[in-house]
Amino acid sequence: MIAVTQNAVKQLRELLESRGADSHAGLRLAVQRGGCAGMEYAMKVDAPASDDHVFDTEGVKIIVDAQSLPFVDGCRIDYVEALNDSGFKVDNPNASRSCGCGTSFEPIAS
């Protein structure tokens, strides 16, 4: 399960409309090796593939591939506006630590 705040729903809806995305599109949240903490988040507007997990909140979709799901299951996506950094932020209970910029993390050891 992935939770999405009201602010993130609003911003994502505006992003999808500004890009002319169709009703199947959403925010793809993926995890890949890299960043200063070992793993990093990648986000883009995309349509789901047949083997993706799709989480729908008020008509806004978060799309996660099967390989990334264990790293982000249970997370919360918010949209933060600040003078020096604005964008979608991931609050991830599967991270033992995150970098200062919030775009990369170290997964909890299993």
C-alpha atoms as a PDB file:
ATOM      1  CA  MET A   1       0.000   0.000   0.000  1.00  0.00           C
ATOM      2  CA  ILE A   2       1.198   3.493  -0.807  1.00  0.00           C
ATOM      3  CA  ALA A   3      -0.448   6.521   0.796  1.00  0.00           C
ATOM      4  CA  VAL A   4      -0.688   9.848  -1.005  1.00  0.00           C
ATOM      5  CA  THR A   5      -1.342  13.125   0.813  1.00  0.00           C
ATOM      6  CA  GLN A   6      -4.031  15.533  -0.359  1.00  0.00           C
ATOM      7  CA  ASN A   7      -1.363  18.016  -1.419  1.00  0.00           C
ATOM      8  CA  ALA A   8       0.386  15.356  -3.531  1.00  0.00           C
ATOM      9  CA  VAL A   9      -2.939  14.318  -5.115  1.00  0.00           C
ATOM     10  CA  LYS A  10      -3.612  17.936  -6.093  1.00  0.00           C
ATOM     11  CA  GLN A  11      -0.120  18.490  -7.510  1.00  0.00           C
ATOM     12  CA  LEU A  12      -0.082  15.184  -9.369  1.00  0.00           C
ATOM     13  CA  ARG A  13      -3.491  15.880 -10.896  1.00  0.00           C
ATOM     14  CA  GLU A  14      -2.201  19.279 -12.115  1.00  0.00           C
ATOM     15  CA  LEU A  15       0.987  17.676 -13.470  1.00  0.00           C
ATOM     16  CA  LEU A  16      -0.946  15.043 -15.409  1.00  0.00           C
ATOM     17  CA  GLU A  17      -3.317  17.649 -16.854  1.00  0.00           C
ATOM     18  CA  SER A  18      -0.435  19.938 -17.876  1.00  0.00           C
ATOM     19  CA  ARG A  19       1.203  17.043 -19.733  1.00  0.00           C
ATOM     20  CA  GLY A  20      -2.021  16.042 -21.459  1.00  0.00           C
ATOM     21  CA  ALA A  21      -1.762  12.565 -19.962  1.00  0.00           C
ATOM     22  CA  ASP A  22      -4.583  10.103 -20.582  1.00  0.00           C
ATOM     23  CA  SER A  23      -6.690   8.557 -17.820  1.00  0.00           C
ATOM     24  CA  HIS A  24      -4.394   5.513 -17.527  1.00  0.00           C
ATOM     25  CA  ALA A  25      -1.274   7.564 -16.736  1.00  0.00           C
ATOM     26  CA  GLY A  26       0.075   8.237 -13.286  1.00  0.00           C
ATOM     27  CA  LEU A  27       3.266   8.833 -11.343  1.00  0.00           C
ATOM     28  CA  ARG A  28       5.700   5.953 -11.704  1.00  0.00           C
ATOM     29  CA  LEU A  29       7.726   5.463  -8.523  1.00  0.00           C
ATOM     30  CA  ALA A  30      10.776   3.263  -9.012  1.00  0.00           C
ATOM     31  CA  VAL A  31      13.882   2.426  -7.032  1.00  0.00           C
ATOM     32  CA  GLN A  32      17.303   2.004  -8.596  1.00  0.00           C
ATOM     33  CA  ARG A  33      20.863   1.657  -7.383  1.00  0.00           C
ATOM     34  CA  GLY A  34      22.610   4.985  -6.950  1.00  0.00           C
ATOM     35  CA  GLY A  35      22.489   8.185  -4.979  1.00  0.00           C
ATOM     36  CA  CYS A  36      24.546   8.985  -1.916  1.00  0.00           C
ATOM     37  CA  ALA A  37      22.777   6.428   0.316  1.00  0.00           C
ATOM     38  CA  GLY A  38      22.852   3.395  -2.006  1.00  0.00           C
ATOM     39  CA  MET A  39      19.360   3.399  -3.565  1.00  0.00           C
ATOM     40  CA  GLU A  40      17.534   6.292  -5.190  1.00  0.00           C
ATOM     41  CA  TYR A  41      13.970   7.105  -6.142  1.00  0.00           C
ATOM     42  CA  ALA A  42      13.054   7.719  -9.765  1.00  0.00           C
ATOM     43  CA  MET A  43       9.730   9.335 -10.672  1.00  0.00           C
ATOM     44  CA  LYS A  44       8.123  10.063 -14.005  1.00  0.00           C
ATOM     45  CA  VAL A  45       4.716  10.326 -15.617  1.00  0.00           C
ATOM     46  CA  ASP A  46       3.979   6.977 -17.234  1.00  0.00           C
ATOM     47  CA  ALA A  47       1.287   4.421 -18.052  1.00  0.00           C
ATOM     48  CA  PRO A  48       1.210   1.102 -16.195  1.00  0.00           C
ATOM     49  CA  ALA A  49       2.513  -2.119 -17.704  1.00  0.00           C
ATOM     50  CA  SER A  50       0.617  -5.372 -17.202  1.00  0.00           C
ATOM     51  CA  ASP A  51       2.830  -6.524 -14.302  1.00  0.00           C
ATOM     52  CA  ASP A  52       2.898  -3.189 -12.413  1.00  0.00           C
ATOM     53  CA  HIS A  53       1.136  -2.513  -9.122  1.00  0.00           C
ATOM     54  CA  VAL A  54      -1.209   0.487  -9.366  1.00  0.00           C
ATOM     55  CA  PHE A  55      -2.350   2.385  -6.280  1.00  0.00           C
ATOM     56  CA  ASP A  56      -5.295   4.722  -6.854  1.00  0.00           C
ATOM     57  CA  THR A  57      -6.085   7.658  -4.569  1.00  0.00           C
ATOM     58  CA  GLU A  58      -8.991   9.841  -5.628  1.00  0.00           C
ATOM     59  CA  GLY A  59      -8.398   8.965  -9.284  1.00  0.00           C
ATOM     60  CA  VAL A  60      -4.662   9.656  -9.146  1.00  0.00           C
ATOM     61  CA  LYS A  61      -2.439   6.653  -9.821  1.00  0.00           C
ATOM     62  CA  ILE A  62       0.919   5.695  -8.341  1.00  0.00           C
ATOM     63  CA  ILE A  63       2.564   3.006 -10.479  1.00  0.00           C
ATOM     64  CA  VAL A  64       5.246   0.703  -9.031  1.00  0.00           C
ATOM     65  CA  ASP A  65       7.062  -2.147 -10.771  1.00  0.00           C
ATOM     66  CA  ALA A  66       7.411  -5.499  -8.994  1.00  0.00           C
ATOM     67  CA  GLN A  67      11.156  -5.076  -8.309  1.00  0.00           C
ATOM     68  CA  SER A  68      10.680  -1.681  -6.627  1.00  0.00           C
ATOM     69  CA  LEU A  69       7.615  -2.607  -4.558  1.00  0.00           C
ATOM     70  CA  PRO A  70       9.459  -4.224  -1.609  1.00  0.00           C
ATOM     71  CA  PHE A  71      11.487  -1.017  -1.190  1.00  0.00           C
ATOM     72  CA  VAL A  72       8.489   1.363  -1.204  1.00  0.00           C
ATOM     73  CA  ASP A  73       5.573  -0.680   0.158  1.00  0.00           C
ATOM     74  CA  GLY A  74       4.032   1.257   3.048  1.00  0.00           C
ATOM     75  CA  CYS A  75       5.515   4.609   2.065  1.00  0.00           C
ATOM     76  CA  ARG A  76       3.725   7.958   1.943  1.00  0.00           C
ATOM     77  CA  ILE A  77       4.116  10.413  -0.933  1.00  0.00           C
ATOM     78  CA  ASP A  78       3.753  14.103  -0.204  1.00  0.00           C
ATOM     79  CA  TYR A  79       4.325  17.258  -2.213  1.00  0.00           C
ATOM     80  CA  VAL A  80       6.449  19.841  -0.430  1.00  0.00           C
ATOM     81  CA  GLU A  81       6.932  23.458  -1.460  1.00  0.00           C
ATOM     82  CA  ALA A  82       9.981  25.215  -0.039  1.00  0.00           C
ATOM     83  CA  LEU A  83      12.208  28.074  -1.148  1.00  0.00           C
ATOM     84  CA  ASN A  84      15.161  25.822  -1.917  1.00  0.00           C
ATOM     85  CA  ASP A  85      13.455  22.541  -2.849  1.00  0.00           C
ATOM     86  CA  SER A  86       9.946  21.713  -4.059  1.00  0.00           C
ATOM     87  CA  GLY A  87       8.582  18.426  -5.330  1.00  0.00           C
ATOM     88  CA  PHE A  88       7.258  15.001  -4.483  1.00  0.00           C
ATOM     89  CA  LYS A  89       8.844  13.534  -1.350  1.00  0.00           C
ATOM     90  CA  VAL A  90       8.781   9.933  -0.163  1.00  0.00           C
ATOM     91  CA  ASP A  91       8.427   9.088   3.532  1.00  0.00           C
ATOM     92  CA  ASN A  92       9.655   5.507   3.502  1.00  0.00           C
ATOM     93  CA  PRO A  93       9.412   3.132   6.496  1.00  0.00           C
ATOM     94  CA  ASN A  94      11.701   0.705   4.612  1.00  0.00           C
ATOM     95  CA  ALA A  95      14.666   3.095   4.809  1.00  0.00           C
ATOM     96  CA  SER A  96      17.190   2.802   7.606  1.00  0.00           C
ATOM     97  CA  ARG A  97      18.540   6.223   6.624  1.00  0.00           C
ATOM     98  CA  SER A  98      18.015   8.812   3.909  1.00  0.00           C
ATOM     99  CA  CYS A  99      20.343  11.352   2.385  1.00  0.00           C
ATOM    100  CA  GLY A 100      19.967  15.029   3.152  1.00  0.00           C
ATOM    101  CA  CYS A 101      18.273  15.806  -0.151  1.00  0.00           C
ATOM    102  CA  GLY A 102      15.698  13.027   0.359  1.00  0.00           C
ATOM    103  CA  THR A 103      16.150  11.444  -3.064  1.00  0.00           C
ATOM    104  CA  SER A 104      18.170   8.442  -1.955  1.00  0.00           C
ATOM    105  CA  PHE A 105      18.051   5.996   0.927  1.00  0.00           C
ATOM    106  CA  GLU A 106      19.615   2.920   2.451  1.00  0.00           C
ATOM    107  CA  PRO A 107      17.145   0.042   2.790  1.00  0.00           C
ATOM    108  CA  ILE A 108      16.655  -1.693   6.115  1.00  0.00           C
ATOM    109  CA  ALA A 109      18.755  -4.860   6.141  1.00  0.00           C
ATOM    110  CA  SER A 110      16.704  -8.027   6.056  1.00  0.00           C
END
